[in-house]
Amino acid sequence: MAYTESSMMPLGTVAPDFELPDLLHGGTVRLSSMPPAKATVVMFLCNHCPYVLYINPEIIRLVAQYSPLGVSFLGINSNDAIAHPEDGPEQMGPHAKTVGYVFPYLYDETQETARAYDAACTPDFFVFDGTMKLAYRGQLDPSRPKRNPIPCTGEDLRAALDAILSGGPANPIQRPSGGCNIKWKQVPEKP
């Protein structure tokens, strides 16, 4: 597992739309058809990455705290399920229930959504304001298993959400997230 940092999509980018199957609740989720929210957090996650597993309890706390304040949360798994069956669609619903996800956990089989967001790692966080413009992208907080094994606080993401909810901009000084690289599908070589 190579340590990879997020690509840092330009602030102000309009959220790329997508329609993906929700493997926790069933059905599909289309971003543009979601009810309006004060902020929308799009998280690239997966089932097996130790960086995601390390911060899952803090993600659960954030969702519990900020959902009642008008923040929507979506998790997306874009990993190649052939090469990494532990991230396959049949594993996602049970995994989400085990770790306590209550938000949609979406499967990006084609990896088109990850590419549209320029997602690079798991976890990778994107926070859009009420007009669906990117206000924050980067780390949850400075904690990393093995690299910086301090308790997870979610301080960076919390600060961004607090700023958006109070009507202000997020701090423009934002640090990249870091974790396992997204497991991209191998493109067959041309004969």
N, C-alpha and C. Protein backbone atom coordinates (compact mmCIF):
# COMPACT_ATOMS: atom_id res chain seq x y z
N MET A 1 0.83 -1.18 0.00
CA MET A 1 0.00 0.00 0.00
C MET A 1 0.88 1.24 0.00
N ALA A 2 0.88 1.93 -1.09
CA ALA A 2 1.67 3.15 -1.21
C ALA A 2 0.94 4.31 -0.54
N TYR A 3 1.68 5.08 0.27
CA TYR A 3 1.09 6.28 0.88
C TYR A 3 0.95 7.34 -0.21
N THR A 4 -0.24 7.87 -0.33
CA THR A 4 -0.56 8.84 -1.38
C THR A 4 -1.30 10.00 -0.74
N GLU A 5 -1.02 11.21 -1.20
CA GLU A 5 -1.75 12.39 -0.73
C GLU A 5 -2.77 12.83 -1.77
N SER A 6 -3.80 13.53 -1.30
CA SER A 6 -4.86 13.99 -2.19
C SER A 6 -4.34 15.03 -3.18
N SER A 7 -5.05 15.15 -4.29
CA SER A 7 -4.64 16.01 -5.40
C SER A 7 -5.05 17.47 -5.23
N MET A 8 -5.97 17.74 -4.33
CA MET A 8 -6.38 19.11 -4.00
C MET A 8 -7.06 19.83 -5.18
N MET A 9 -8.25 19.36 -5.54
CA MET A 9 -9.08 20.00 -6.55
C MET A 9 -9.17 21.50 -6.25
N PRO A 10 -9.20 22.37 -7.26
CA PRO A 10 -9.25 23.81 -7.00
C PRO A 10 -10.52 24.22 -6.23
N LEU A 11 -10.33 25.07 -5.23
CA LEU A 11 -11.47 25.61 -4.48
C LEU A 11 -12.39 26.35 -5.44
N GLY A 12 -13.69 26.29 -5.17
CA GLY A 12 -14.67 26.94 -6.02
C GLY A 12 -15.19 26.05 -7.14
N THR A 13 -14.58 24.88 -7.35
CA THR A 13 -15.05 23.95 -8.38
C THR A 13 -16.46 23.49 -8.03
N VAL A 14 -17.34 23.47 -9.02
CA VAL A 14 -18.70 22.96 -8.82
C VAL A 14 -18.63 21.44 -8.72
N ALA A 15 -19.36 20.88 -7.77
CA ALA A 15 -19.32 19.43 -7.53
C ALA A 15 -19.68 18.67 -8.79
N PRO A 16 -18.80 17.80 -9.26
CA PRO A 16 -19.15 16.95 -10.41
C PRO A 16 -20.33 16.04 -10.03
N ASP A 17 -21.31 16.00 -10.90
CA ASP A 17 -22.50 15.18 -10.63
C ASP A 17 -22.17 13.71 -10.86
N PHE A 18 -22.92 12.84 -10.21
CA PHE A 18 -22.77 11.40 -10.40
C PHE A 18 -24.07 10.73 -9.99
N GLU A 19 -24.25 9.52 -10.46
CA GLU A 19 -25.34 8.64 -10.03
C GLU A 19 -24.73 7.28 -9.80
N LEU A 20 -24.77 6.84 -8.54
CA LEU A 20 -24.10 5.60 -8.15
C LEU A 20 -25.02 4.76 -7.26
N PRO A 21 -24.85 3.43 -7.29
CA PRO A 21 -25.64 2.58 -6.41
C PRO A 21 -25.21 2.72 -4.95
N ASP A 22 -26.20 2.76 -4.07
CA ASP A 22 -25.97 2.80 -2.62
C ASP A 22 -26.03 1.37 -2.11
N LEU A 23 -24.89 0.85 -1.68
CA LEU A 23 -24.83 -0.55 -1.27
C LEU A 23 -25.12 -0.75 0.21
N LEU A 24 -25.50 0.32 0.91
CA LEU A 24 -25.95 0.20 2.29
C LEU A 24 -27.47 0.23 2.36
N HIS A 25 -28.07 1.21 1.68
CA HIS A 25 -29.52 1.40 1.77
C HIS A 25 -30.29 0.89 0.56
N GLY A 26 -29.58 0.57 -0.52
CA GLY A 26 -30.23 0.15 -1.75
C GLY A 26 -30.56 1.36 -2.62
N GLY A 27 -30.93 1.10 -3.86
CA GLY A 27 -31.25 2.16 -4.80
C GLY A 27 -30.00 2.86 -5.30
N THR A 28 -30.22 4.01 -5.91
CA THR A 28 -29.11 4.81 -6.41
C THR A 28 -29.20 6.21 -5.83
N VAL A 29 -28.08 6.91 -5.84
CA VAL A 29 -28.02 8.30 -5.38
C VAL A 29 -27.47 9.13 -6.52
N ARG A 30 -28.22 10.15 -6.90
CA ARG A 30 -27.75 11.14 -7.87
C ARG A 30 -27.48 12.42 -7.10
N LEU A 31 -26.26 12.90 -7.15
CA LEU A 31 -25.88 14.07 -6.37
C LEU A 31 -26.80 15.26 -6.65
N SER A 32 -27.08 15.53 -7.91
CA SER A 32 -27.90 16.70 -8.26
C SER A 32 -29.36 16.56 -7.84
N SER A 33 -29.79 15.36 -7.47
CA SER A 33 -31.17 15.15 -7.04
C SER A 33 -31.32 15.09 -5.53
N MET A 34 -30.22 15.27 -4.81
CA MET A 34 -30.30 15.23 -3.35
C MET A 34 -30.98 16.48 -2.83
N PRO A 35 -31.66 16.37 -1.68
CA PRO A 35 -32.26 17.57 -1.09
C PRO A 35 -31.19 18.62 -0.79
N PRO A 36 -31.54 19.90 -0.88
CA PRO A 36 -30.55 20.94 -0.57
C PRO A 36 -29.98 20.76 0.83
N ALA A 37 -28.69 21.07 0.94
CA ALA A 37 -28.00 20.97 2.23
C ALA A 37 -27.16 22.23 2.42
N LYS A 38 -26.88 22.55 3.67
CA LYS A 38 -26.00 23.69 3.96
C LYS A 38 -24.57 23.38 3.54
N ALA A 39 -24.21 22.11 3.57
CA ALA A 39 -22.90 21.63 3.10
C ALA A 39 -23.05 20.16 2.76
N THR A 40 -22.24 19.72 1.81
CA THR A 40 -22.22 18.31 1.41
C THR A 40 -20.79 17.81 1.47
N VAL A 41 -20.59 16.71 2.20
CA VAL A 41 -19.27 16.12 2.35
C VAL A 41 -19.22 14.84 1.51
N VAL A 42 -18.34 14.82 0.52
CA VAL A 42 -18.12 13.64 -0.31
C VAL A 42 -16.80 13.03 0.15
N MET A 43 -16.87 11.77 0.58
CA MET A 43 -15.70 11.09 1.14
C MET A 43 -15.37 9.87 0.29
N PHE A 44 -14.14 9.78 -0.18
CA PHE A 44 -13.69 8.57 -0.86
C PHE A 44 -13.10 7.65 0.20
N LEU A 45 -13.76 6.51 0.37
CA LEU A 45 -13.44 5.56 1.42
C LEU A 45 -13.28 4.17 0.80
N CYS A 46 -12.93 3.20 1.61
CA CYS A 46 -12.96 1.80 1.18
C CYS A 46 -13.03 0.94 2.43
N ASN A 47 -13.15 -0.36 2.23
CA ASN A 47 -13.34 -1.27 3.35
C ASN A 47 -12.06 -1.65 4.07
N HIS A 48 -10.93 -1.70 3.37
CA HIS A 48 -9.75 -2.34 3.94
C HIS A 48 -8.61 -1.39 4.29
N CYS A 49 -8.61 -0.18 3.82
CA CYS A 49 -7.48 0.74 4.02
C CYS A 49 -7.28 1.03 5.51
N PRO A 50 -6.07 0.83 6.04
CA PRO A 50 -5.85 1.10 7.46
C PRO A 50 -6.04 2.57 7.84
N TYR A 51 -5.85 3.47 6.89
CA TYR A 51 -6.05 4.90 7.17
C TYR A 51 -7.53 5.19 7.37
N VAL A 52 -8.37 4.57 6.55
CA VAL A 52 -9.82 4.74 6.71
C VAL A 52 -10.29 4.05 8.00
N LEU A 53 -9.83 2.83 8.22
CA LEU A 53 -10.23 2.11 9.43
C LEU A 53 -9.87 2.90 10.69
N TYR A 54 -8.74 3.57 10.67
CA TYR A 54 -8.27 4.35 11.82
C TYR A 54 -9.20 5.52 12.13
N ILE A 55 -9.75 6.16 11.09
CA ILE A 55 -10.57 7.36 11.32
C ILE A 55 -12.07 7.09 11.29
N ASN A 56 -12.49 5.86 10.98
CA ASN A 56 -13.93 5.57 10.93
C ASN A 56 -14.69 6.03 12.17
N PRO A 57 -14.19 5.80 13.40
CA PRO A 57 -14.95 6.26 14.56
C PRO A 57 -15.17 7.78 14.56
N GLU A 58 -14.19 8.54 14.08
CA GLU A 58 -14.36 10.00 14.03
C GLU A 58 -15.34 10.40 12.93
N ILE A 59 -15.33 9.68 11.82
CA ILE A 59 -16.32 9.95 10.77
C ILE A 59 -17.73 9.76 11.34
N ILE A 60 -17.93 8.69 12.09
CA ILE A 60 -19.25 8.42 12.69
C ILE A 60 -19.65 9.56 13.63
N ARG A 61 -18.72 10.05 14.43
CA ARG A 61 -19.01 11.17 15.34
C ARG A 61 -19.36 12.44 14.56
N LEU A 62 -18.60 12.73 13.50
CA LEU A 62 -18.88 13.91 12.68
C LEU A 62 -20.27 13.85 12.06
N VAL A 63 -20.61 12.71 11.50
CA VAL A 63 -21.93 12.55 10.88
C VAL A 63 -23.02 12.76 11.92
N ALA A 64 -22.86 12.19 13.11
CA ALA A 64 -23.87 12.35 14.16
C ALA A 64 -23.99 13.80 14.60
N GLN A 65 -22.89 14.52 14.64
CA GLN A 65 -22.91 15.91 15.09
C GLN A 65 -23.43 16.87 14.02
N TYR A 66 -23.02 16.69 12.76
CA TYR A 66 -23.30 17.68 11.73
C TYR A 66 -24.52 17.38 10.87
N SER A 67 -24.96 16.14 10.78
CA SER A 67 -26.18 15.85 10.00
C SER A 67 -27.38 16.64 10.50
N PRO A 68 -27.61 16.72 11.82
CA PRO A 68 -28.76 17.49 12.30
C PRO A 68 -28.65 18.99 12.01
N LEU A 69 -27.45 19.46 11.66
CA LEU A 69 -27.23 20.88 11.36
C LEU A 69 -27.39 21.19 9.87
N GLY A 70 -27.77 20.18 9.08
CA GLY A 70 -28.00 20.41 7.66
C GLY A 70 -26.87 20.03 6.75
N VAL A 71 -25.97 19.16 7.21
CA VAL A 71 -24.86 18.70 6.40
C VAL A 71 -25.16 17.29 5.89
N SER A 72 -24.96 17.08 4.60
CA SER A 72 -25.13 15.76 3.99
C SER A 72 -23.77 15.09 3.86
N PHE A 73 -23.75 13.78 4.02
CA PHE A 73 -22.52 13.00 3.91
C PHE A 73 -22.74 11.86 2.92
N LEU A 74 -21.74 11.62 2.08
CA LEU A 74 -21.76 10.53 1.13
C LEU A 74 -20.39 9.86 1.13
N GLY A 75 -20.36 8.54 1.19
CA GLY A 75 -19.12 7.79 1.06
C GLY A 75 -19.08 7.11 -0.30
N ILE A 76 -17.93 7.12 -0.94
CA ILE A 76 -17.77 6.49 -2.25
C ILE A 76 -16.57 5.55 -2.21
N ASN A 77 -16.77 4.33 -2.68
CA ASN A 77 -15.69 3.35 -2.82
C ASN A 77 -15.44 3.20 -4.31
N SER A 78 -14.23 3.58 -4.76
CA SER A 78 -13.86 3.50 -6.17
C SER A 78 -12.80 2.45 -6.45
N ASN A 79 -12.42 1.66 -5.46
CA ASN A 79 -11.33 0.71 -5.66
C ASN A 79 -11.71 -0.40 -6.64
N ASP A 80 -10.70 -0.90 -7.35
CA ASP A 80 -10.86 -2.02 -8.26
C ASP A 80 -11.19 -3.28 -7.45
N ALA A 81 -12.42 -3.75 -7.59
CA ALA A 81 -12.89 -4.90 -6.80
C ALA A 81 -12.35 -6.23 -7.32
N ILE A 82 -11.86 -6.26 -8.54
CA ILE A 82 -11.28 -7.50 -9.06
C ILE A 82 -9.94 -7.75 -8.37
N ALA A 83 -9.11 -6.72 -8.33
CA ALA A 83 -7.80 -6.85 -7.70
C ALA A 83 -7.90 -6.83 -6.17
N HIS A 84 -8.95 -6.21 -5.66
CA HIS A 84 -9.12 -6.08 -4.20
C HIS A 84 -10.55 -6.47 -3.82
N PRO A 85 -10.83 -7.77 -3.80
CA PRO A 85 -12.20 -8.24 -3.56
C PRO A 85 -12.76 -7.81 -2.20
N GLU A 86 -11.88 -7.51 -1.23
CA GLU A 86 -12.37 -7.04 0.08
C GLU A 86 -13.08 -5.69 -0.05
N ASP A 87 -12.88 -4.99 -1.16
CA ASP A 87 -13.56 -3.73 -1.42
C ASP A 87 -14.71 -3.89 -2.41
N GLY A 88 -15.04 -5.12 -2.74
CA GLY A 88 -16.10 -5.38 -3.72
C GLY A 88 -17.47 -5.00 -3.22
N PRO A 89 -18.42 -4.85 -4.13
CA PRO A 89 -19.76 -4.40 -3.78
C PRO A 89 -20.47 -5.31 -2.78
N GLU A 90 -20.22 -6.62 -2.85
CA GLU A 90 -20.90 -7.53 -1.92
C GLU A 90 -20.38 -7.38 -0.49
N GLN A 91 -19.23 -6.76 -0.33
CA GLN A 91 -18.66 -6.54 1.00
C GLN A 91 -19.05 -5.18 1.60
N MET A 92 -19.47 -4.25 0.74
CA MET A 92 -19.66 -2.87 1.20
C MET A 92 -20.79 -2.69 2.20
N GLY A 93 -21.96 -3.24 1.92
CA GLY A 93 -23.09 -3.10 2.84
C GLY A 93 -22.79 -3.67 4.21
N PRO A 94 -22.33 -4.93 4.29
CA PRO A 94 -21.98 -5.50 5.60
C PRO A 94 -20.90 -4.70 6.33
N HIS A 95 -19.89 -4.25 5.58
CA HIS A 95 -18.83 -3.45 6.21
C HIS A 95 -19.40 -2.15 6.77
N ALA A 96 -20.22 -1.47 5.98
CA ALA A 96 -20.81 -0.19 6.42
C ALA A 96 -21.62 -0.38 7.70
N LYS A 97 -22.39 -1.46 7.77
CA LYS A 97 -23.17 -1.74 8.98
C LYS A 97 -22.27 -2.02 10.17
N THR A 98 -21.20 -2.78 9.94
CA THR A 98 -20.29 -3.13 11.02
C THR A 98 -19.62 -1.90 11.63
N VAL A 99 -19.17 -0.97 10.78
CA VAL A 99 -18.46 0.20 11.30
C VAL A 99 -19.39 1.33 11.72
N GLY A 100 -20.67 1.24 11.35
CA GLY A 100 -21.64 2.23 11.81
C GLY A 100 -21.97 3.34 10.85
N TYR A 101 -21.69 3.16 9.54
CA TYR A 101 -22.10 4.18 8.57
C TYR A 101 -23.62 4.26 8.53
N VAL A 102 -24.13 5.47 8.49
CA VAL A 102 -25.57 5.68 8.31
C VAL A 102 -25.82 6.47 7.02
N PHE A 103 -24.77 6.97 6.42
CA PHE A 103 -24.86 7.74 5.19
C PHE A 103 -24.78 6.78 4.00
N PRO A 104 -25.20 7.22 2.82
CA PRO A 104 -25.07 6.35 1.64
C PRO A 104 -23.61 5.96 1.40
N TYR A 105 -23.40 4.69 1.11
CA TYR A 105 -22.07 4.18 0.80
C TYR A 105 -22.14 3.69 -0.64
N LEU A 106 -21.56 4.45 -1.55
CA LEU A 106 -21.77 4.30 -2.98
C LEU A 106 -20.61 3.56 -3.65
N TYR A 107 -20.96 2.83 -4.69
CA TYR A 107 -19.96 2.04 -5.41
C TYR A 107 -19.70 2.66 -6.78
N ASP A 108 -18.46 3.06 -7.02
CA ASP A 108 -18.03 3.69 -8.26
C ASP A 108 -17.29 2.65 -9.10
N GLU A 109 -18.03 1.72 -9.67
CA GLU A 109 -17.42 0.60 -10.39
C GLU A 109 -16.56 1.06 -11.56
N THR A 110 -17.00 2.07 -12.30
CA THR A 110 -16.27 2.53 -13.48
C THR A 110 -15.09 3.44 -13.11
N GLN A 111 -15.05 3.91 -11.90
CA GLN A 111 -14.04 4.84 -11.39
C GLN A 111 -14.15 6.22 -12.03
N GLU A 112 -15.22 6.47 -12.77
CA GLU A 112 -15.41 7.77 -13.42
C GLU A 112 -15.62 8.88 -12.39
N THR A 113 -16.30 8.57 -11.30
CA THR A 113 -16.53 9.59 -10.27
C THR A 113 -15.22 9.96 -9.59
N ALA A 114 -14.41 8.98 -9.26
CA ALA A 114 -13.10 9.28 -8.64
C ALA A 114 -12.27 10.15 -9.57
N ARG A 115 -12.30 9.85 -10.86
CA ARG A 115 -11.54 10.66 -11.81
C ARG A 115 -12.11 12.07 -11.92
N ALA A 116 -13.43 12.20 -11.90
CA ALA A 116 -14.05 13.54 -11.98
C ALA A 116 -13.67 14.40 -10.78
N TYR A 117 -13.48 13.77 -9.63
CA TYR A 117 -13.11 14.50 -8.41
C TYR A 117 -11.59 14.60 -8.25
N ASP A 118 -10.85 13.97 -9.13
CA ASP A 118 -9.40 13.89 -9.02
C ASP A 118 -9.00 13.30 -7.67
N ALA A 119 -9.82 12.36 -7.21
CA ALA A 119 -9.53 11.68 -5.94
C ALA A 119 -8.28 10.83 -6.12
N ALA A 120 -7.45 10.80 -5.10
CA ALA A 120 -6.18 10.09 -5.22
C ALA A 120 -5.99 9.01 -4.16
N CYS A 121 -6.65 9.18 -3.01
CA CYS A 121 -6.37 8.29 -1.88
C CYS A 121 -7.63 8.01 -1.09
N THR A 122 -7.51 7.05 -0.20
CA THR A 122 -8.55 6.80 0.80
C THR A 122 -7.89 6.98 2.16
N PRO A 123 -8.45 7.89 2.95
CA PRO A 123 -9.62 8.73 2.71
C PRO A 123 -9.26 9.99 1.93
N ASP A 124 -10.22 10.52 1.22
CA ASP A 124 -10.09 11.80 0.52
C ASP A 124 -11.41 12.53 0.74
N PHE A 125 -11.34 13.77 1.23
CA PHE A 125 -12.53 14.53 1.63
C PHE A 125 -12.74 15.76 0.76
N PHE A 126 -13.99 16.00 0.36
CA PHE A 126 -14.38 17.16 -0.43
C PHE A 126 -15.63 17.75 0.23
N VAL A 127 -15.59 19.03 0.60
CA VAL A 127 -16.74 19.68 1.23
C VAL A 127 -17.24 20.79 0.32
N PHE A 128 -18.50 20.69 -0.05
CA PHE A 128 -19.14 21.67 -0.92
C PHE A 128 -20.12 22.50 -0.10
N ASP A 129 -20.18 23.80 -0.40
CA ASP A 129 -21.10 24.68 0.33
C ASP A 129 -22.53 24.50 -0.19
N GLY A 130 -23.44 25.34 0.26
CA GLY A 130 -24.84 25.23 -0.13
C GLY A 130 -25.10 25.45 -1.60
N THR A 131 -24.16 26.06 -2.32
CA THR A 131 -24.28 26.25 -3.76
C THR A 131 -23.52 25.17 -4.54
N MET A 132 -23.03 24.18 -3.83
CA MET A 132 -22.29 23.03 -4.37
C MET A 132 -20.96 23.44 -5.00
N LYS A 133 -20.35 24.48 -4.43
CA LYS A 133 -18.99 24.86 -4.83
C LYS A 133 -18.02 24.36 -3.77
N LEU A 134 -16.86 23.89 -4.21
CA LEU A 134 -15.89 23.31 -3.31
C LEU A 134 -15.35 24.38 -2.35
N ALA A 135 -15.55 24.13 -1.06
CA ALA A 135 -15.09 25.06 -0.02
C ALA A 135 -13.90 24.49 0.76
N TYR A 136 -13.78 23.17 0.76
CA TYR A 136 -12.69 22.52 1.50
C TYR A 136 -12.38 21.20 0.83
N ARG A 137 -11.10 20.87 0.77
CA ARG A 137 -10.66 19.53 0.36
C ARG A 137 -9.37 19.27 1.11
N GLY A 138 -9.22 18.04 1.54
CA GLY A 138 -8.01 17.73 2.28
C GLY A 138 -8.25 16.76 3.41
N GLN A 139 -7.45 16.92 4.44
CA GLN A 139 -7.44 15.95 5.53
C GLN A 139 -8.57 16.14 6.54
N LEU A 140 -8.91 15.05 7.17
CA LEU A 140 -9.83 15.06 8.31
C LEU A 140 -9.16 15.79 9.47
N ASP A 141 -7.93 15.40 9.74
CA ASP A 141 -7.09 15.98 10.79
C ASP A 141 -5.68 15.43 10.56
N PRO A 142 -4.70 15.82 11.37
CA PRO A 142 -3.33 15.36 11.13
C PRO A 142 -3.04 13.91 11.52
N SER A 143 -3.99 13.20 12.11
CA SER A 143 -3.71 11.84 12.56
C SER A 143 -3.53 10.90 11.37
N ARG A 144 -2.59 9.98 11.52
CA ARG A 144 -2.34 8.92 10.54
C ARG A 144 -1.82 7.71 11.31
N PRO A 145 -2.37 6.53 11.08
CA PRO A 145 -1.81 5.36 11.77
C PRO A 145 -0.35 5.19 11.37
N LYS A 146 0.46 4.88 12.32
CA LYS A 146 1.90 4.68 12.16
C LYS A 146 2.64 5.98 11.88
N ARG A 147 2.20 6.80 10.95
CA ARG A 147 2.90 8.04 10.59
C ARG A 147 2.73 9.12 11.65
N ASN A 148 1.54 9.25 12.21
CA ASN A 148 1.25 10.24 13.24
C ASN A 148 0.08 9.71 14.07
N PRO A 149 0.33 8.68 14.89
CA PRO A 149 -0.75 7.97 15.57
C PRO A 149 -1.32 8.72 16.78
N ILE A 150 -1.76 9.94 16.53
CA ILE A 150 -2.42 10.72 17.58
C ILE A 150 -3.92 10.46 17.49
N PRO A 151 -4.68 10.78 18.53
CA PRO A 151 -6.13 10.57 18.46
C PRO A 151 -6.76 11.39 17.34
N CYS A 152 -7.76 10.81 16.69
CA CYS A 152 -8.52 11.52 15.66
C CYS A 152 -9.44 12.53 16.32
N THR A 153 -9.42 13.74 15.82
CA THR A 153 -10.33 14.78 16.32
C THR A 153 -11.22 15.33 15.22
N GLY A 154 -10.83 15.12 13.97
CA GLY A 154 -11.58 15.70 12.85
C GLY A 154 -11.43 17.20 12.77
N GLU A 155 -10.40 17.76 13.41
CA GLU A 155 -10.31 19.21 13.58
C GLU A 155 -10.32 20.00 12.27
N ASP A 156 -9.67 19.53 11.23
CA ASP A 156 -9.64 20.29 9.98
C ASP A 156 -11.01 20.30 9.30
N LEU A 157 -11.63 19.14 9.23
CA LEU A 157 -12.95 19.05 8.61
C LEU A 157 -13.99 19.78 9.46
N ARG A 158 -13.90 19.66 10.77
CA ARG A 158 -14.82 20.38 11.66
C ARG A 158 -14.72 21.89 11.48
N ALA A 159 -13.49 22.40 11.39
CA ALA A 159 -13.29 23.84 11.23
C ALA A 159 -13.91 24.31 9.91
N ALA A 160 -13.74 23.53 8.85
CA ALA A 160 -14.33 23.90 7.56
C ALA A 160 -15.86 23.90 7.65
N LEU A 161 -16.44 22.85 8.24
CA LEU A 161 -17.90 22.79 8.36
C LEU A 161 -18.43 23.92 9.24
N ASP A 162 -17.75 24.21 10.35
CA ASP A 162 -18.19 25.30 11.22
C ASP A 162 -18.17 26.63 10.48
N ALA A 163 -17.13 26.87 9.68
CA ALA A 163 -17.05 28.12 8.91
C ALA A 163 -18.19 28.22 7.91
N ILE A 164 -18.45 27.15 7.18
CA ILE A 164 -19.53 27.15 6.18
C ILE A 164 -20.87 27.35 6.86
N LEU A 165 -21.11 26.66 7.95
CA LEU A 165 -22.40 26.77 8.65
C LEU A 165 -22.61 28.15 9.24
N SER A 166 -21.53 28.86 9.56
CA SER A 166 -21.67 30.21 10.11
C SER A 166 -21.74 31.27 9.00
N GLY A 167 -21.70 30.83 7.74
CA GLY A 167 -21.83 31.74 6.62
C GLY A 167 -20.52 32.31 6.10
N GLY A 168 -19.42 31.81 6.62
CA GLY A 168 -18.12 32.31 6.19
C GLY A 168 -17.40 31.30 5.32
N PRO A 169 -16.23 31.69 4.81
CA PRO A 169 -15.44 30.74 4.02
C PRO A 169 -14.59 29.87 4.93
N ALA A 170 -14.27 28.69 4.44
CA ALA A 170 -13.32 27.84 5.14
C ALA A 170 -11.93 28.46 5.01
N ASN A 171 -11.09 28.17 5.97
CA ASN A 171 -9.71 28.65 5.92
C ASN A 171 -9.09 28.17 4.60
N PRO A 172 -8.52 29.08 3.80
CA PRO A 172 -7.95 28.65 2.52
C PRO A 172 -6.66 27.85 2.66
N ILE A 173 -6.05 27.85 3.84
CA ILE A 173 -4.86 27.03 4.07
C ILE A 173 -5.35 25.63 4.44
N GLN A 174 -5.24 24.71 3.49
CA GLN A 174 -5.78 23.36 3.65
C GLN A 174 -4.70 22.35 3.32
N ARG A 175 -4.63 21.32 4.15
CA ARG A 175 -3.59 20.31 3.99
C ARG A 175 -4.18 19.05 3.33
N PRO A 176 -3.41 18.43 2.44
CA PRO A 176 -3.93 17.24 1.76
C PRO A 176 -4.20 16.09 2.72
N SER A 177 -5.17 15.31 2.36
CA SER A 177 -5.40 14.06 3.05
C SER A 177 -4.31 13.10 2.61
N GLY A 178 -4.17 12.00 3.33
CA GLY A 178 -3.18 11.01 2.95
C GLY A 178 -3.64 9.63 3.37
N GLY A 179 -3.28 8.65 2.58
CA GLY A 179 -3.65 7.28 2.90
C GLY A 179 -3.24 6.36 1.77
N CYS A 180 -4.00 5.29 1.61
CA CYS A 180 -3.73 4.34 0.54
C CYS A 180 -4.16 4.95 -0.79
N ASN A 181 -3.40 4.65 -1.83
CA ASN A 181 -3.81 5.13 -3.14
C ASN A 181 -5.10 4.43 -3.55
N ILE A 182 -5.91 5.11 -4.34
CA ILE A 182 -7.08 4.45 -4.92
C ILE A 182 -6.55 3.33 -5.81
N LYS A 183 -7.18 2.19 -5.72
CA LYS A 183 -6.75 1.01 -6.49
C LYS A 183 -7.38 1.08 -7.87
N TRP A 184 -6.63 1.67 -8.80
CA TRP A 184 -7.13 1.88 -10.16
C TRP A 184 -7.13 0.57 -10.95
N LYS A 185 -8.11 0.44 -11.82
CA LYS A 185 -8.17 -0.73 -12.70
C LYS A 185 -7.03 -0.64 -13.70
N GLN A 186 -6.50 -1.79 -14.04
CA GLN A 186 -5.44 -1.85 -15.04
C GLN A 186 -6.07 -1.69 -16.43
N VAL A 187 -5.50 -0.79 -17.20
CA VAL A 187 -5.99 -0.60 -18.56
C VAL A 187 -5.23 -1.58 -19.45
N PRO A 188 -5.98 -2.40 -20.19
CA PRO A 188 -5.29 -3.37 -21.04
C PRO A 188 -4.43 -2.66 -22.09
N GLU A 189 -3.26 -3.20 -22.31
CA GLU A 189 -2.38 -2.63 -23.33
C GLU A 189 -2.92 -2.94 -24.71
N LYS A 190 -2.71 -1.98 -25.59
CA LYS A 190 -3.16 -2.17 -26.99
C LYS A 190 -2.20 -3.13 -27.69
N PRO A 191 -2.75 -4.02 -28.52
CA PRO A 191 -1.88 -4.98 -29.22
C PRO A 191 -1.02 -4.29 -30.26
